[in-house]
Amino acid sequence: IGLSPEQRQNPGTSIPGKLALDRMKTRADFLNAQRTGVRSGRPGLGLEICLTPKTAAHDNAVRVGFTATRKIGNAVTRNRAKRRLRAAAAQLLPIHGHERHDYVLIARNATTSRPFADLLCDLTDVLRRGHSALKRKCRSSGKPVPSANPVPGGKEHG
C-alpha cells in the first residue's frame, strides 16, 4: 500500500506527519466495521468507518480494507477495482485519515471506469462525511468523540 519494507515489518511506524496504513485482513475486522461503524458513499466507491478495537490499535496508524463483490464483475474487474482503491487510499489516508480508525473501501461499478482524479475526490468527500457521521454517532451513544487530529501521546479514544 505504498509502505517501505521497514514500515511493512514494523506496522506502527510512519512517516512524520503522516499515518501508517495497516491492512485489515480478517472477516471479523470487516464485520466489526459494518456493525459498529458508519457508511458513506459516492458514485466511485463506498466507505465504512469505525474506531479500531483497542486490541488492534497502533499509534500513528490506521487500518484499511478493500472489498469488491461479484456484482462488480469477474475476477479481473474486481482486482482492477481493488487496485484503484488501494492507490487512492495510499495517497489520501495517510493525510486525511484519523489515527486509530478502521476504513473499509467498497468498490462500485463505476470504480474501474471513473477517472482517477474523480475517484480521489470521491474518497476525500466520503472521508469528510464519514468522519462527521462517526462523531455524531459517538455523541448520540455517549461514547468519547474521536478527535479530528492524530491523538497526541498515544492516548486511547475510549
Protein backbone atom coordinates (compact mmCIF):
# COMPACT_ATOMS: atom_id res chain seq x y z
CA ILE A 1 0.00 0.00 0.00
CA GLY A 2 2.86 2.40 -0.59
CA LEU A 3 4.87 1.46 2.50
CA SER A 4 8.62 0.97 2.68
CA PRO A 5 9.93 -2.51 3.57
CA GLU A 6 10.83 -1.19 7.04
CA GLN A 7 7.28 0.09 7.60
CA ARG A 8 5.83 -3.27 6.46
CA GLN A 9 7.93 -5.07 9.08
CA ASN A 10 7.01 -2.52 11.79
CA PRO A 11 3.37 -1.66 11.10
CA GLY A 12 3.14 1.00 13.80
CA THR A 13 5.87 3.17 12.21
CA SER A 14 5.02 6.04 9.91
CA ILE A 15 6.46 8.98 8.06
CA PRO A 16 6.47 12.06 10.32
CA GLY A 17 3.23 13.99 9.83
CA LYS A 18 1.56 11.07 8.06
CA LEU A 19 -0.20 7.98 9.32
CA ALA A 20 0.92 4.46 8.51
CA LEU A 21 -1.54 2.15 6.76
CA ASP A 22 -2.14 -1.31 8.24
CA ARG A 23 -4.22 -3.84 6.31
CA MET A 24 -7.44 -5.34 7.62
CA LYS A 25 -7.44 -8.98 6.58
CA THR A 26 -9.83 -10.97 8.75
CA ARG A 27 -13.55 -11.27 8.19
CA ALA A 28 -14.14 -10.25 11.81
CA ASP A 29 -12.48 -6.87 11.16
CA PHE A 30 -14.74 -6.20 8.17
CA LEU A 31 -17.85 -7.28 10.10
CA ASN A 32 -16.86 -5.02 13.02
CA ALA A 33 -16.63 -2.04 10.66
CA GLN A 34 -20.02 -2.90 9.20
CA ARG A 35 -21.67 -3.43 12.61
CA THR A 36 -20.17 -0.57 14.65
CA GLY A 37 -19.25 1.97 12.01
CA VAL A 38 -20.93 4.42 9.69
CA ARG A 39 -21.36 4.22 5.93
CA SER A 40 -20.91 6.85 3.30
CA GLY A 41 -20.97 6.54 -0.47
CA ARG A 42 -20.26 8.27 -3.74
CA PRO A 43 -20.52 7.05 -7.34
CA GLY A 44 -16.96 5.73 -7.38
CA LEU A 45 -16.81 3.96 -4.02
CA GLY A 46 -18.42 3.23 -0.69
CA LEU A 47 -16.77 3.65 2.70
CA GLU A 48 -17.33 2.23 6.17
CA ILE A 49 -15.52 3.91 9.09
CA CYS A 50 -15.28 2.76 12.69
CA LEU A 51 -12.92 3.11 15.62
CA THR A 52 -10.17 0.49 15.70
CA PRO A 53 -10.68 -2.03 18.52
CA LYS A 54 -8.28 -1.38 21.39
CA THR A 55 -6.62 -4.77 20.90
CA ALA A 56 -5.64 -3.92 17.31
CA ALA A 57 -4.85 -0.19 17.65
CA HIS A 58 -1.37 1.15 16.87
CA ASP A 59 -0.10 4.69 17.41
CA ASN A 60 0.16 6.78 14.24
CA ALA A 61 -1.67 4.16 12.17
CA VAL A 62 -4.99 3.50 10.50
CA ARG A 63 -6.27 0.16 9.31
CA VAL A 64 -7.74 -0.16 5.84
CA GLY A 65 -9.52 -2.96 4.00
CA PHE A 66 -10.82 -3.31 0.46
CA THR A 67 -13.75 -5.27 -0.87
CA ALA A 68 -15.41 -5.84 -4.23
CA THR A 69 -18.45 -8.08 -4.64
CA ARG A 70 -19.20 -10.30 -7.62
CA LYS A 71 -21.80 -7.73 -8.71
CA ILE A 72 -18.85 -5.61 -9.86
CA GLY A 73 -17.81 -8.18 -12.44
CA ASN A 74 -15.41 -11.04 -12.96
CA ALA A 75 -12.16 -11.54 -11.02
CA VAL A 76 -10.15 -9.33 -13.36
CA THR A 77 -12.58 -6.44 -12.93
CA ARG A 78 -12.76 -6.88 -9.14
CA ASN A 79 -8.96 -6.95 -8.86
CA ARG A 80 -8.65 -3.82 -11.01
CA ALA A 81 -11.21 -2.04 -8.83
CA LYS A 82 -9.35 -3.01 -5.65
CA ARG A 83 -6.00 -1.88 -7.13
CA ARG A 84 -7.52 1.53 -7.89
CA LEU A 85 -8.95 1.76 -4.36
CA ARG A 86 -5.55 0.80 -2.87
CA ALA A 87 -3.84 3.51 -4.92
CA ALA A 88 -6.37 6.14 -3.84
CA ALA A 89 -6.12 5.07 -0.19
CA ALA A 90 -2.31 5.17 -0.29
CA GLN A 91 -2.48 8.79 -1.48
CA LEU A 92 -5.18 10.14 0.82
CA LEU A 93 -5.49 8.09 4.02
CA PRO A 94 -2.04 8.95 5.42
CA ILE A 95 -3.06 12.61 5.21
CA HIS A 96 -6.86 12.63 5.73
CA GLY A 97 -7.27 9.52 7.87
CA HIS A 98 -7.66 9.68 11.64
CA GLU A 99 -5.43 7.71 13.96
CA ARG A 100 -6.96 4.51 15.38
CA HIS A 101 -9.75 4.33 12.82
CA ASP A 102 -10.66 1.45 10.50
CA TYR A 103 -11.63 2.18 6.91
CA VAL A 104 -13.28 -0.30 4.53
CA LEU A 105 -13.35 0.87 0.91
CA ILE A 106 -16.07 -0.79 -1.14
CA ALA A 107 -15.78 -0.98 -4.92
CA ARG A 108 -18.74 0.06 -7.01
CA ASN A 109 -19.50 -0.47 -10.71
CA ALA A 110 -18.01 2.95 -11.55
CA THR A 111 -14.76 2.32 -9.65
CA THR A 112 -12.96 0.87 -12.68
CA SER A 113 -14.24 3.35 -15.26
CA ARG A 114 -14.23 6.58 -13.25
CA PRO A 115 -11.27 8.94 -13.88
CA PHE A 116 -8.72 8.58 -11.08
CA ALA A 117 -8.95 12.28 -10.16
CA ASP A 118 -12.71 11.88 -9.66
CA LEU A 119 -12.09 8.76 -7.57
CA LEU A 120 -9.75 10.78 -5.34
CA CYS A 121 -12.41 13.50 -4.99
CA ASP A 122 -14.99 10.82 -4.11
CA LEU A 123 -12.70 9.37 -1.44
CA THR A 124 -11.97 12.81 0.04
CA ASP A 125 -15.69 13.55 0.20
CA VAL A 126 -16.69 10.23 1.81
CA LEU A 127 -13.87 10.59 4.36
CA ARG A 128 -15.11 14.04 5.35
CA ARG A 129 -18.75 12.94 5.54
CA GLY A 130 -17.88 9.66 7.25
CA HIS A 131 -15.82 11.33 9.98
CA SER A 132 -18.68 13.76 10.65
CA ALA A 133 -21.21 10.93 10.83
CA LEU A 134 -18.96 8.92 13.18
CA LYS A 135 -18.65 11.92 15.51
CA ARG A 136 -22.45 12.31 15.55
CA LYS A 137 -22.89 8.60 16.25
CA CYS A 138 -20.39 8.71 19.13
CA ARG A 139 -22.07 11.78 20.64
CA SER A 140 -25.53 10.20 20.48
CA SER A 141 -24.34 6.93 22.05
CA GLY A 142 -22.42 8.67 24.84
CA LYS A 143 -19.01 7.39 23.73
CA PRO A 144 -15.96 9.67 23.69
CA VAL A 145 -15.88 11.64 20.45
CA PRO A 146 -12.86 10.79 18.27
CA SER A 147 -10.54 13.73 17.67
CA ALA A 148 -10.03 15.19 14.21
CA ASN A 149 -6.25 15.06 14.55
CA PRO A 150 -3.98 12.19 15.49
CA VAL A 151 -4.08 11.62 19.24
CA PRO A 152 -1.02 13.18 20.92
CA GLY A 153 0.91 10.94 23.26
CA GLY A 154 -0.89 7.80 22.13
CA LYS A 155 -3.94 8.17 24.42
CA GLU A 156 -6.94 5.98 23.73
CA HIS A 157 -10.24 7.23 22.26
CA GLY A 158 -12.31 5.11 24.55
